[in-house]
Amino acid sequence: MLALHATKAIGPGGPPRVDTPTKLCFHVDDIDREHAALIARGVTMRDIHRWEGIAFCDGIDPEGNIFQITTRR
């Protein structure tokens, strides 16, 4: 179950939120392709990191929430 609650919106271009230790992680099959596609759509994405067969990178949504895409299942 996933519950989403309204919080104070920072708005587009706001700074990354550092007041919460929680982020959503989304599995992707091809991190390079998804990373490039998100950047092409204007999403702020950080560098891809690779470690022991997995890859992951963080992104920042328009309200400053940090999320992650990863090949980890």
PDB file of N, CA and C in Angstrom:
ATOM      1  N   MET A   1       0.841  -1.165   0.000  1.00  0.00           N
ATOM      2  CA  MET A   1       0.000   0.000   0.000  1.00  0.00           C
ATOM      3  C   MET A   1       0.892   1.235   0.000  1.00  0.00           C
ATOM      4  N   LEU A   2       0.488   2.211  -0.743  1.00  0.00           N
ATOM      5  CA  LEU A   2       1.214   3.474  -0.815  1.00  0.00           C
ATOM      6  C   LEU A   2       0.237   4.592  -0.541  1.00  0.00           C
ATOM      7  N   ALA A   3       0.541   5.442   0.404  1.00  0.00           N
ATOM      8  CA  ALA A   3      -0.306   6.591   0.712  1.00  0.00           C
ATOM      9  C   ALA A   3       0.490   7.856   0.459  1.00  0.00           C
ATOM     10  N   LEU A   4      -0.098   8.778  -0.273  1.00  0.00           N
ATOM     11  CA  LEU A   4       0.546  10.055  -0.562  1.00  0.00           C
ATOM     12  C   LEU A   4      -0.198  11.146   0.194  1.00  0.00           C
ATOM     13  N   HIS A   5       0.539  12.014   0.844  1.00  0.00           N
ATOM     14  CA  HIS A   5      -0.059  13.085   1.622  1.00  0.00           C
ATOM     15  C   HIS A   5       0.466  14.426   1.132  1.00  0.00           C
ATOM     16  N   ALA A   6      -0.386  15.414   1.134  1.00  0.00           N
ATOM     17  CA  ALA A   6       0.014  16.758   0.721  1.00  0.00           C
ATOM     18  C   ALA A   6       1.003  17.335   1.731  1.00  0.00           C
ATOM     19  N   THR A   7       2.006  18.007   1.216  1.00  0.00           N
ATOM     20  CA  THR A   7       2.976  18.712   2.044  1.00  0.00           C
ATOM     21  C   THR A   7       3.136  20.110   1.475  1.00  0.00           C
ATOM     22  N   LYS A   8       3.862  20.927   2.148  1.00  0.00           N
ATOM     23  CA  LYS A   8       4.122  22.266   1.648  1.00  0.00           C
ATOM     24  C   LYS A   8       4.882  22.170   0.326  1.00  0.00           C
ATOM     25  N   ALA A   9       4.300  22.688  -0.731  1.00  0.00           N
ATOM     26  CA  ALA A   9       4.924  22.626  -2.050  1.00  0.00           C
ATOM     27  C   ALA A   9       6.047  23.653  -2.154  1.00  0.00           C
ATOM     28  N   ILE A  10       7.152  23.232  -2.685  1.00  0.00           N
ATOM     29  CA  ILE A  10       8.276  24.132  -2.917  1.00  0.00           C
ATOM     30  C   ILE A  10       8.130  24.791  -4.280  1.00  0.00           C
ATOM     31  N   GLY A  11       7.593  24.048  -5.244  1.00  0.00           N
ATOM     32  CA  GLY A  11       7.379  24.585  -6.581  1.00  0.00           C
ATOM     33  C   GLY A  11       8.526  24.272  -7.517  1.00  0.00           C
ATOM     34  N   PRO A  12       8.290  24.417  -8.802  1.00  0.00           N
ATOM     35  CA  PRO A  12       9.322  24.108  -9.798  1.00  0.00           C
ATOM     36  C   PRO A  12      10.612  24.874  -9.548  1.00  0.00           C
ATOM     37  N   GLY A  13      11.702  24.167  -9.699  1.00  0.00           N
ATOM     38  CA  GLY A  13      13.006  24.790  -9.534  1.00  0.00           C
ATOM     39  C   GLY A  13      13.440  24.961  -8.098  1.00  0.00           C
ATOM     40  N   GLY A  14      12.644  24.433  -7.169  1.00  0.00           N
ATOM     41  CA  GLY A  14      13.004  24.551  -5.758  1.00  0.00           C
ATOM     42  C   GLY A  14      14.188  23.665  -5.416  1.00  0.00           C
ATOM     43  N   PRO A  15      14.768  23.896  -4.264  1.00  0.00           N
ATOM     44  CA  PRO A  15      15.916  23.087  -3.853  1.00  0.00           C
ATOM     45  C   PRO A  15      15.483  21.684  -3.469  1.00  0.00           C
ATOM     46  N   PRO A  16      16.396  20.713  -3.542  1.00  0.00           N
ATOM     47  CA  PRO A  16      16.058  19.358  -3.100  1.00  0.00           C
ATOM     48  C   PRO A  16      15.682  19.376  -1.622  1.00  0.00           C
ATOM     49  N   ARG A  17      14.669  18.605  -1.271  1.00  0.00           N
ATOM     50  CA  ARG A  17      14.255  18.521   0.128  1.00  0.00           C
ATOM     51  C   ARG A  17      15.264  17.692   0.905  1.00  0.00           C
ATOM     52  N   VAL A  18      15.735  18.220   1.983  1.00  0.00           N
ATOM     53  CA  VAL A  18      16.669  17.498   2.845  1.00  0.00           C
ATOM     54  C   VAL A  18      16.049  17.267   4.224  1.00  0.00           C
ATOM     55  N   ASP A  19      14.753  17.574   4.348  1.00  0.00           N
ATOM     56  CA  ASP A  19      14.083  17.447   5.638  1.00  0.00           C
ATOM     57  C   ASP A  19      13.388  16.098   5.809  1.00  0.00           C
ATOM     58  N   THR A  20      13.602  15.166   4.893  1.00  0.00           N
ATOM     59  CA  THR A  20      12.993  13.842   5.007  1.00  0.00           C
ATOM     60  C   THR A  20      13.998  12.772   4.595  1.00  0.00           C
ATOM     61  N   PRO A  21      14.058  11.669   5.342  1.00  0.00           N
ATOM     62  CA  PRO A  21      14.981  10.589   4.992  1.00  0.00           C
ATOM     63  C   PRO A  21      14.361   9.574   4.031  1.00  0.00           C
ATOM     64  N   THR A  22      13.175   9.858   3.515  1.00  0.00           N
ATOM     65  CA  THR A  22      12.441   8.895   2.690  1.00  0.00           C
ATOM     66  C   THR A  22      12.449   9.307   1.225  1.00  0.00           C
ATOM     67  N   LYS A  23      12.627   8.316   0.354  1.00  0.00           N
ATOM     68  CA  LYS A  23      12.471   8.570  -1.077  1.00  0.00           C
ATOM     69  C   LYS A  23      11.896   7.319  -1.718  1.00  0.00           C
ATOM     70  N   LEU A  24      11.152   7.515  -2.786  1.00  0.00           N
ATOM     71  CA  LEU A  24      10.602   6.398  -3.544  1.00  0.00           C
ATOM     72  C   LEU A  24      11.652   5.927  -4.541  1.00  0.00           C
ATOM     73  N   CYS A  25      11.741   4.600  -4.711  1.00  0.00           N
ATOM     74  CA  CYS A  25      12.670   4.015  -5.676  1.00  0.00           C
ATOM     75  C   CYS A  25      11.858   3.232  -6.704  1.00  0.00           C
ATOM     76  N   PHE A  26      12.192   3.439  -7.965  1.00  0.00           N
ATOM     77  CA  PHE A  26      11.475   2.806  -9.065  1.00  0.00           C
ATOM     78  C   PHE A  26      12.426   1.916  -9.858  1.00  0.00           C
ATOM     79  N   HIS A  27      12.032   0.645 -10.055  1.00  0.00           N
ATOM     80  CA  HIS A  27      12.845  -0.276 -10.839  1.00  0.00           C
ATOM     81  C   HIS A  27      12.726   0.056 -12.318  1.00  0.00           C
ATOM     82  N   VAL A  28      13.857   0.020 -13.008  1.00  0.00           N
ATOM     83  CA  VAL A  28      13.894   0.182 -14.465  1.00  0.00           C
ATOM     84  C   VAL A  28      14.787  -0.912 -15.039  1.00  0.00           C
ATOM     85  N   ASP A  29      14.494  -1.343 -16.247  1.00  0.00           N
ATOM     86  CA  ASP A  29      15.321  -2.369 -16.885  1.00  0.00           C
ATOM     87  C   ASP A  29      16.594  -1.794 -17.496  1.00  0.00           C
ATOM     88  N   ASP A  30      16.506  -0.579 -18.017  1.00  0.00           N
ATOM     89  CA  ASP A  30      17.645   0.051 -18.683  1.00  0.00           C
ATOM     90  C   ASP A  30      17.834   1.445 -18.090  1.00  0.00           C
ATOM     91  N   ILE A  31      18.715   1.560 -17.126  1.00  0.00           N
ATOM     92  CA  ILE A  31      18.876   2.825 -16.410  1.00  0.00           C
ATOM     93  C   ILE A  31      19.424   3.934 -17.302  1.00  0.00           C
ATOM     94  N   ASP A  32      20.304   3.589 -18.232  1.00  0.00           N
ATOM     95  CA  ASP A  32      20.853   4.619 -19.120  1.00  0.00           C
ATOM     96  C   ASP A  32      19.757   5.231 -19.985  1.00  0.00           C
ATOM     97  N   ARG A  33      18.889   4.378 -20.540  1.00  0.00           N
ATOM     98  CA  ARG A  33      17.788   4.860 -21.379  1.00  0.00           C
ATOM     99  C   ARG A  33      16.811   5.716 -20.567  1.00  0.00           C
ATOM    100  N   GLU A  34      16.415   5.240 -19.384  1.00  0.00           N
ATOM    101  CA  GLU A  34      15.453   5.980 -18.560  1.00  0.00           C
ATOM    102  C   GLU A  34      16.039   7.288 -18.042  1.00  0.00           C
ATOM    103  N   HIS A  35      17.294   7.284 -17.673  1.00  0.00           N
ATOM    104  CA  HIS A  35      17.988   8.491 -17.209  1.00  0.00           C
ATOM    105  C   HIS A  35      17.955   9.550 -18.313  1.00  0.00           C
ATOM    106  N   ALA A  36      18.318   9.141 -19.524  1.00  0.00           N
ATOM    107  CA  ALA A  36      18.326  10.068 -20.669  1.00  0.00           C
ATOM    108  C   ALA A  36      16.915  10.563 -20.986  1.00  0.00           C
ATOM    109  N   ALA A  37      15.918   9.671 -20.922  1.00  0.00           N
ATOM    110  CA  ALA A  37      14.542  10.064 -21.224  1.00  0.00           C
ATOM    111  C   ALA A  37      14.019  11.071 -20.205  1.00  0.00           C
ATOM    112  N   LEU A  38      14.339  10.880 -18.939  1.00  0.00           N
ATOM    113  CA  LEU A  38      13.892  11.818 -17.907  1.00  0.00           C
ATOM    114  C   LEU A  38      14.554  13.185 -18.092  1.00  0.00           C
ATOM    115  N   ILE A  39      15.843  13.194 -18.389  1.00  0.00           N
ATOM    116  CA  ILE A  39      16.540  14.459 -18.629  1.00  0.00           C
ATOM    117  C   ILE A  39      15.933  15.172 -19.831  1.00  0.00           C
ATOM    118  N   ALA A  40      15.619  14.417 -20.886  1.00  0.00           N
ATOM    119  CA  ALA A  40      15.024  15.008 -22.091  1.00  0.00           C
ATOM    120  C   ALA A  40      13.667  15.655 -21.789  1.00  0.00           C
ATOM    121  N   ARG A  41      12.993  15.167 -20.762  1.00  0.00           N
ATOM    122  CA  ARG A  41      11.686  15.728 -20.373  1.00  0.00           C
ATOM    123  C   ARG A  41      11.829  16.839 -19.341  1.00  0.00           C
ATOM    124  N   GLY A  42      13.071  17.215 -19.037  1.00  0.00           N
ATOM    125  CA  GLY A  42      13.298  18.342 -18.133  1.00  0.00           C
ATOM    126  C   GLY A  42      13.428  17.990 -16.664  1.00  0.00           C
ATOM    127  N   VAL A  43      13.533  16.698 -16.355  1.00  0.00           N
ATOM    128  CA  VAL A  43      13.675  16.278 -14.959  1.00  0.00           C
ATOM    129  C   VAL A  43      15.133  16.428 -14.536  1.00  0.00           C
ATOM    130  N   THR A  44      15.360  16.970 -13.351  1.00  0.00           N
ATOM    131  CA  THR A  44      16.713  17.071 -12.809  1.00  0.00           C
ATOM    132  C   THR A  44      17.144  15.691 -12.333  1.00  0.00           C
ATOM    133  N   MET A  45      18.201  15.157 -12.944  1.00  0.00           N
ATOM    134  CA  MET A  45      18.713  13.832 -12.592  1.00  0.00           C
ATOM    135  C   MET A  45      20.177  13.948 -12.202  1.00  0.00           C
ATOM    136  N   ARG A  46      20.538  13.228 -11.173  1.00  0.00           N
ATOM    137  CA  ARG A  46      21.934  13.175 -10.740  1.00  0.00           C
ATOM    138  C   ARG A  46      22.659  12.074 -11.508  1.00  0.00           C
ATOM    139  N   ASP A  47      23.959  11.938 -11.282  1.00  0.00           N
ATOM    140  CA  ASP A  47      24.765  10.942 -11.983  1.00  0.00           C
ATOM    141  C   ASP A  47      24.348   9.518 -11.623  1.00  0.00           C
ATOM    142  N   ILE A  48      24.559   8.602 -12.566  1.00  0.00           N
ATOM    143  CA  ILE A  48      24.303   7.183 -12.347  1.00  0.00           C
ATOM    144  C   ILE A  48      25.498   6.592 -11.600  1.00  0.00           C
ATOM    145  N   HIS A  49      25.195   5.786 -10.598  1.00  0.00           N
ATOM    146  CA  HIS A  49      26.232   5.070  -9.849  1.00  0.00           C
ATOM    147  C   HIS A  49      26.060   3.581 -10.100  1.00  0.00           C
ATOM    148  N   ARG A  50      27.163   2.879 -10.238  1.00  0.00           N
ATOM    149  CA  ARG A  50      27.134   1.427 -10.470  1.00  0.00           C
ATOM    150  C   ARG A  50      27.949   0.751  -9.384  1.00  0.00           C
ATOM    151  N   TRP A  51      27.362  -0.326  -8.829  1.00  0.00           N
ATOM    152  CA  TRP A  51      28.033  -1.018  -7.730  1.00  0.00           C
ATOM    153  C   TRP A  51      27.560  -2.457  -7.690  1.00  0.00           C
ATOM    154  N   GLU A  52      28.476  -3.386  -7.804  1.00  0.00           N
ATOM    155  CA  GLU A  52      28.218  -4.828  -7.693  1.00  0.00           C
ATOM    156  C   GLU A  52      26.993  -5.295  -8.479  1.00  0.00           C
ATOM    157  N   GLY A  53      26.921  -4.909  -9.743  1.00  0.00           N
ATOM    158  CA  GLY A  53      25.867  -5.396 -10.622  1.00  0.00           C
ATOM    159  C   GLY A  53      24.561  -4.620 -10.578  1.00  0.00           C
ATOM    160  N   ILE A  54      24.485  -3.584  -9.765  1.00  0.00           N
ATOM    161  CA  ILE A  54      23.284  -2.755  -9.763  1.00  0.00           C
ATOM    162  C   ILE A  54      23.659  -1.338 -10.177  1.00  0.00           C
ATOM    163  N   ALA A  55      22.668  -0.600 -10.609  1.00  0.00           N
ATOM    164  CA  ALA A  55      22.884   0.800 -10.966  1.00  0.00           C
ATOM    165  C   ALA A  55      21.743   1.602 -10.374  1.00  0.00           C
ATOM    166  N   PHE A  56      22.027   2.839  -9.988  1.00  0.00           N
ATOM    167  CA  PHE A  56      21.002   3.682  -9.388  1.00  0.00           C
ATOM    168  C   PHE A  56      21.370   5.141  -9.551  1.00  0.00           C
ATOM    169  N   CYS A  57      20.366   5.995  -9.544  1.00  0.00           N
ATOM    170  CA  CYS A  57      20.587   7.433  -9.553  1.00  0.00           C
ATOM    171  C   CYS A  57      19.354   8.134  -9.014  1.00  0.00           C
ATOM    172  N   ASP A  58      19.584   9.271  -8.420  1.00  0.00           N
ATOM    173  CA  ASP A  58      18.507  10.071  -7.858  1.00  0.00           C
ATOM    174  C   ASP A  58      18.044  11.122  -8.850  1.00  0.00           C
ATOM    175  N   GLY A  59      16.791  11.481  -8.713  1.00  0.00           N
ATOM    176  CA  GLY A  59      16.197  12.574  -9.454  1.00  0.00           C
ATOM    177  C   GLY A  59      15.479  13.480  -8.473  1.00  0.00           C
ATOM    178  N   ILE A  60      15.117  14.662  -8.936  1.00  0.00           N
ATOM    179  CA  ILE A  60      14.424  15.626  -8.086  1.00  0.00           C
ATOM    180  C   ILE A  60      13.159  16.061  -8.816  1.00  0.00           C
ATOM    181  N   ASP A  61      11.999  15.854  -8.170  1.00  0.00           N
ATOM    182  CA  ASP A  61      10.746  16.243  -8.817  1.00  0.00           C
ATOM    183  C   ASP A  61      10.532  17.751  -8.678  1.00  0.00           C
ATOM    184  N   PRO A  62       9.498  18.306  -9.325  1.00  0.00           N
ATOM    185  CA  PRO A  62       9.299  19.758  -9.313  1.00  0.00           C
ATOM    186  C   PRO A  62       9.096  20.370  -7.926  1.00  0.00           C
ATOM    187  N   GLU A  63       8.706  19.562  -6.937  1.00  0.00           N
ATOM    188  CA  GLU A  63       8.520  20.083  -5.587  1.00  0.00           C
ATOM    189  C   GLU A  63       9.726  19.833  -4.696  1.00  0.00           C
ATOM    190  N   GLY A  64      10.811  19.331  -5.278  1.00  0.00           N
ATOM    191  CA  GLY A  64      12.029  19.126  -4.521  1.00  0.00           C
ATOM    192  C   GLY A  64      12.161  17.761  -3.889  1.00  0.00           C
ATOM    193  N   ASN A  65      11.165  16.883  -4.076  1.00  0.00           N
ATOM    194  CA  ASN A  65      11.247  15.531  -3.519  1.00  0.00           C
ATOM    195  C   ASN A  65      12.279  14.718  -4.293  1.00  0.00           C
ATOM    196  N   ILE A  66      13.079  13.985  -3.576  1.00  0.00           N
ATOM    197  CA  ILE A  66      14.099  13.152  -4.205  1.00  0.00           C
ATOM    198  C   ILE A  66      13.521  11.760  -4.421  1.00  0.00           C
ATOM    199  N   PHE A  67      13.732  11.219  -5.626  1.00  0.00           N
ATOM    200  CA  PHE A  67      13.321   9.851  -5.940  1.00  0.00           C
ATOM    201  C   PHE A  67      14.511   9.151  -6.579  1.00  0.00           C
ATOM    202  N   GLN A  68      14.407   7.845  -6.741  1.00  0.00           N
ATOM    203  CA  GLN A  68      15.528   7.098  -7.313  1.00  0.00           C
ATOM    204  C   GLN A  68      15.005   6.137  -8.372  1.00  0.00           C
ATOM    205  N   ILE A  69      15.797   5.980  -9.443  1.00  0.00           N
ATOM    206  CA  ILE A  69      15.571   4.874 -10.381  1.00  0.00           C
ATOM    207  C   ILE A  69      16.725   3.912 -10.181  1.00  0.00           C
ATOM    208  N   THR A  70      16.421   2.628 -10.275  1.00  0.00           N
ATOM    209  CA  THR A  70      17.428   1.619  -9.970  1.00  0.00           C
ATOM    210  C   THR A  70      17.164   0.335 -10.741  1.00  0.00           C
ATOM    211  N   THR A  71      18.216  -0.419 -10.976  1.00  0.00           N
ATOM    212  CA  THR A  71      18.067  -1.734 -11.607  1.00  0.00           C
ATOM    213  C   THR A  71      17.901  -2.809 -10.543  1.00  0.00           C
ATOM    214  N   ARG A  72      18.029  -2.427  -9.298  1.00  0.00           N
ATOM    215  CA  ARG A  72      17.867  -3.382  -8.182  1.00  0.00           C
ATOM    216  C   ARG A  72      16.408  -3.815  -8.088  1.00  0.00           C
ATOM    217  N   ARG A  73      16.182  -5.101  -7.884  1.00  0.00           N
ATOM    218  CA  ARG A  73      14.804  -5.610  -7.720  1.00  0.00           C
ATOM    219  C   ARG A  73      14.506  -5.808  -6.262  1.00  0.00           C
TER     220      ARG A  73
END
